[in-house]
Protein backbone atom coordinates (compact mmCIF):
# COMPACT_ATOMS: atom_id res chain seq x y z
CA MET A 1 169.16 7.18 157.11
CA ASP A 2 166.48 9.52 155.78
CA ARG A 3 163.79 7.06 156.80
CA LEU A 4 165.30 6.47 160.26
CA LEU A 5 165.48 10.20 160.99
CA ALA A 6 161.91 10.72 159.80
CA LEU A 7 160.45 7.79 161.77
CA CYS A 8 162.43 8.47 164.97
CA PRO A 9 162.44 12.26 165.48
CA GLU A 10 163.81 12.02 169.05
CA VAL A 11 166.70 9.67 168.27
CA ALA A 12 170.27 10.97 168.09
CA VAL A 13 172.41 9.18 165.52
CA ASP A 14 176.16 8.76 165.09
CA LEU A 15 176.92 8.11 161.42
CA ASN A 16 180.39 6.53 161.40
CA PHE A 17 182.57 6.14 158.30
CA SER A 18 185.54 3.77 158.34
CA LEU A 19 188.82 5.12 156.94
CA ASP A 20 191.99 3.25 157.84
CA GLY A 21 194.54 5.44 156.08
CA LEU A 22 195.01 7.60 153.02
CA ALA A 23 193.80 6.37 149.66
CA ASP A 24 196.31 3.65 148.73
CA THR A 25 196.71 2.35 152.29
CA HIS A 26 192.99 2.28 153.03
CA ASP A 27 192.17 0.54 149.75
CA ALA A 28 194.90 -2.06 150.34
CA ILE A 29 193.72 -2.80 153.90
CA ARG A 30 190.09 -3.08 152.80
CA GLY A 31 190.90 -4.95 149.59
CA VAL A 32 188.46 -2.78 147.61
CA PRO A 33 189.75 -0.50 144.80
CA ASN A 34 188.65 3.16 145.07
CA ASN A 35 187.06 2.53 148.47
CA PHE A 36 188.69 5.64 149.97
CA ALA A 37 187.39 7.93 147.21
CA ARG A 38 183.90 6.43 147.38
CA THR A 39 183.76 6.76 151.18
CA LEU A 40 184.87 10.38 150.97
CA ALA A 41 182.20 11.06 148.33
CA THR A 42 179.59 9.53 150.67
CA ILE A 43 180.80 11.78 153.51
CA LYS A 44 180.42 14.81 151.24
CA GLU A 45 176.91 13.76 150.22
CA ALA A 46 175.93 13.26 153.86
CA GLU A 47 177.32 16.71 154.72
CA LYS A 48 175.05 18.33 152.14
CA ARG A 49 172.00 16.25 153.00
CA TYR A 50 172.14 16.59 156.79
CA ARG A 51 173.75 20.01 157.22
CA GLY A 52 172.36 21.77 160.28
CA MET A 53 170.78 18.60 161.75
CA ARG A 54 172.19 18.68 165.28
CA ARG A 55 170.95 15.23 166.30
CA LEU A 56 173.07 13.56 163.61
CA ARG A 57 176.81 13.43 164.19
CA GLN A 58 179.18 12.42 161.41
CA ASN A 59 182.42 10.76 162.45
CA VAL A 60 185.34 8.87 160.99
CA VAL A 61 186.62 5.74 162.74
CA SER A 62 190.15 4.48 162.08
CA VAL A 63 191.71 1.19 163.21
CA ILE A 64 195.40 1.64 164.03
CA THR A 65 197.52 -1.17 162.62
CA ARG A 66 201.15 -1.64 161.69
CA GLU A 67 200.20 -0.94 158.06
CA ASN A 68 198.79 2.54 158.66
CA TYR A 69 200.08 4.05 161.92
CA ARG A 70 202.72 6.19 160.20
CA GLU A 71 200.16 8.16 158.19
CA LEU A 72 197.31 8.61 160.69
CA VAL A 73 198.37 12.19 161.47
CA ALA A 74 198.34 12.96 157.74
CA LEU A 75 194.89 11.36 157.48
CA GLY A 76 193.61 13.48 160.37
CA LEU A 77 194.95 16.67 158.80
CA TYR A 78 193.49 15.75 155.42
CA LEU A 79 190.04 15.16 156.90
CA LEU A 80 190.28 18.37 158.95
CA GLU A 81 190.79 20.34 155.73
CA SER A 82 188.45 18.43 153.39
CA ALA A 83 185.48 17.28 155.49
CA ASP A 84 183.14 18.79 158.08
CA LEU A 85 183.21 16.06 160.71
CA ASP A 86 182.11 15.98 164.34
CA GLY A 87 184.71 13.48 165.49
CA HIS A 88 187.59 11.19 164.51
CA TYR A 89 187.96 8.09 166.69
CA PHE A 90 190.63 5.41 166.84
CA GLU A 91 190.87 1.74 167.80
CA VAL A 92 194.19 -0.01 168.29
CA VAL A 93 194.76 -3.54 166.96
CA ARG A 94 197.59 -5.15 168.89
CA GLY A 95 199.89 -7.82 167.58
CA PRO A 96 199.36 -11.58 167.99
CA MET A 97 198.02 -12.42 171.44
CA PRO A 98 196.81 -15.84 172.65
CA ALA A 99 193.15 -14.86 172.28
CA CYS A 100 193.78 -13.37 168.84
CA MET A 101 195.74 -16.43 167.72
CA PHE A 102 193.02 -18.75 168.99
CA ALA A 103 190.34 -16.73 167.17
CA THR A 104 192.38 -16.93 163.94
CA MET A 105 192.83 -20.68 164.33
CA TYR A 106 189.11 -21.19 164.98
CA TYR A 107 188.09 -18.98 162.04
CA LEU A 108 190.42 -20.62 159.52
CA GLY A 109 189.61 -24.12 160.79
CA ASN A 110 185.92 -23.38 160.40
CA LEU A 111 186.42 -22.23 156.81
CA ARG A 112 188.50 -25.29 155.97
CA LEU A 113 185.84 -27.62 157.40
CA GLN A 114 183.09 -25.81 155.50
CA PHE A 115 184.93 -25.94 152.17
CA GLN A 116 185.82 -29.59 152.71
CA LEU A 117 182.18 -30.55 153.30
CA GLN A 118 181.13 -28.54 150.25
CA GLU A 119 183.69 -30.39 148.13
CA TRP A 120 182.51 -33.75 149.46
CA CYS A 121 178.82 -33.01 148.83
CA LEU A 122 179.17 -31.18 145.52
CA GLU A 123 178.49 -34.22 143.32
CA ARG A 124 176.63 -36.48 145.74
CA PRO A 125 175.53 -36.24 149.38
CA LYS A 126 178.06 -37.34 151.98
CA GLN A 127 177.18 -37.44 155.65
CA TRP A 128 178.50 -34.55 157.71
CA PRO A 129 180.49 -35.22 160.89
CA MET A 130 177.63 -33.57 162.86
CA PRO A 131 173.81 -33.75 162.73
CA CYS A 132 172.05 -31.12 160.63
CA THR A 133 170.22 -28.70 162.97
CA ALA A 134 167.93 -27.20 160.31
CA GLY A 135 164.55 -26.58 161.92
CA ARG A 136 165.97 -26.88 165.43
CA THR A 137 168.38 -23.95 165.75
CA ALA A 138 167.23 -21.92 162.74
CA ILE A 139 164.46 -21.69 160.17
CA VAL A 140 164.16 -19.87 156.86
CA VAL A 141 161.41 -17.28 156.44
CA ASP A 142 160.44 -16.34 152.88
CA HIS A 143 159.46 -12.84 151.78
CA ASN A 144 155.75 -13.64 152.18
CA GLY A 145 155.97 -15.13 155.68
CA ALA A 146 156.17 -18.77 154.59
CA PHE A 147 158.72 -20.74 156.60
CA ARG A 148 160.70 -23.93 156.13
CA ALA A 149 163.51 -25.78 157.88
CA CYS A 150 165.96 -24.68 155.18
CA GLU A 151 165.87 -23.31 151.63
CA LEU A 152 166.24 -26.78 150.14
CA ARG A 153 163.14 -28.24 151.77
CA GLY A 154 159.43 -27.59 151.42
CA ILE A 155 157.22 -24.93 152.98
CA LEU A 156 155.81 -25.96 156.38
CA GLY A 157 153.49 -23.07 157.16
CA ASN A 158 153.18 -19.31 157.31
CA LEU A 159 154.06 -17.06 160.20
CA ARG A 160 150.73 -15.30 159.74
CA ASP A 161 149.08 -18.47 161.08
CA PHE A 162 151.14 -18.09 164.27
CA GLU A 163 150.63 -14.31 164.63
CA PHE A 164 154.30 -13.90 163.60
CA ASN A 165 155.41 -15.58 166.82
CA LEU A 166 158.60 -17.52 166.00
CA SER A 167 158.46 -19.55 169.20
CA ARG A 168 155.06 -20.92 168.24
CA ALA A 169 156.29 -21.70 164.73
CA PHE A 170 159.25 -23.63 166.19
CA ASP A 171 156.81 -25.62 168.33
CA SER A 172 154.50 -26.44 165.42
CA GLU A 173 153.62 -30.04 164.62
CA ALA A 174 154.69 -29.55 160.98
CA LEU A 175 158.19 -28.47 162.00
CA ARG A 176 158.52 -31.30 164.51
CA ARG A 177 157.67 -33.84 161.76
CA GLU A 178 160.18 -32.16 159.44
CA ILE A 179 162.95 -32.42 162.04
CA GLU A 180 162.25 -36.14 162.36
CA GLN A 181 162.43 -36.57 158.56
CA ILE A 182 165.68 -34.69 157.94
CA PRO A 183 168.09 -37.37 159.26
CA ARG A 184 166.38 -40.00 157.09
CA ALA A 185 166.38 -37.84 153.96
CA ASN A 186 170.13 -38.17 153.28
CA CYS A 187 170.06 -34.58 152.05
CA TRP A 188 173.56 -33.62 153.17
CA CYS A 189 174.11 -30.44 151.18
CA THR A 190 176.61 -27.69 150.41
CA HIS A 191 174.63 -24.93 152.18
CA SER A 192 177.29 -22.96 154.10
CA CYS A 193 174.78 -21.34 156.49
CA PHE A 194 173.56 -24.69 157.79
CA ILE A 195 177.02 -26.28 157.76
CA HIS A 196 178.23 -23.48 160.01
CA GLU A 197 175.07 -23.44 162.15
CA SER A 198 175.13 -27.21 162.68
CA SER A 199 178.85 -27.32 163.50
CA ARG A 200 178.35 -24.84 166.36
CA PHE A 201 176.25 -27.39 168.24
CA SER A 202 178.59 -30.35 167.86
CA PRO A 203 181.26 -30.70 170.59
CA ARG A 204 183.12 -33.25 168.46
CA VAL A 205 183.40 -30.81 165.55
CA GLN A 206 184.38 -27.91 167.81
CA LEU A 207 187.06 -29.88 169.67
CA PHE A 208 188.50 -32.05 166.88
CA HIS A 209 187.38 -31.30 163.31
CA ILE A 210 187.90 -27.53 163.41
CA PRO A 211 191.44 -27.67 164.93
CA TRP A 212 192.33 -30.42 162.43
CA GLY A 213 190.90 -28.26 159.64
CA TYR A 214 193.19 -25.42 160.75
CA LEU A 215 196.23 -27.70 160.68
CA ARG A 216 195.30 -28.90 157.19
CA GLN A 217 194.88 -25.29 156.09
CA ARG A 218 198.39 -24.48 157.35
CA ILE A 219 199.92 -27.53 155.67
CA ALA A 220 198.24 -26.91 152.30
CA ARG A 221 198.45 -23.12 152.39
CA ARG A 222 198.32 -21.29 149.07
CA PRO A 223 200.82 -18.48 148.38
CA GLU A 224 199.51 -15.03 149.27
CA LEU A 225 198.46 -12.74 146.43
CA SER A 226 198.35 -8.95 146.42
CA ALA A 227 195.18 -7.06 145.55
CA ARG A 228 196.77 -6.07 142.22
CA GLU A 229 197.43 -9.72 141.33
CA LEU A 230 193.84 -10.63 142.21
CA GLU A 231 192.45 -8.05 139.76
CA LYS A 232 192.97 -10.44 136.83
CA PHE A 233 190.24 -12.65 138.30
CA LYS A 234 187.61 -9.88 138.24
CA ALA A 235 184.55 -10.51 136.09
CA LEU A 236 184.54 -8.39 132.96
CA GLU A 237 181.91 -5.67 132.68
CA PRO A 238 179.30 -6.38 129.98
CA ALA A 239 179.98 -4.50 126.75
């Protein structure tokens, strides 16, 4: 934020902090212990750092859900007394609607498909139900400008040679040869980015595999665990 304000002296900024309830409720909704206290500490630090800077507004945004709506007035009063904010804004999340239910089905089906392909390819490559689109719909750019079709394949060139023009890099002869080689390489992998990216461009996967993945997820659903029960799986801090 310091750098943005220094580099863009004419830009007005709204710095929004998400708080979805008082401490216990917010932490439970977010699934992050002490998130409320840490967010409040960040608000306090921002107040000190940017006090008197009129082009920076500091706001809190709260999503109204069935878990928190009974304490939103208390949250507003608490923030009014303990923080120097410019605004407190609210969004309402309604209950299950067709669009919401479809989005949930698509999201969970996508995850199930991704995990299934990762399980299949963990020990040895197994062909995906869709072509890999590495190099066609996305490329990987390293820190030094070198690019490749994906992290698991070799460097094909450097964006400096194309004046950092991605369109020219996509049209390069080296990348075209790489795209031709990928289907023959039998390198079906567990890379979630390219599993997800490739599935987006396959009508068969979108229409059949993802809905079937959702149904499998519902059939083999694990019991839900509370945040407190999940704490036993946390990695121990080094001594």
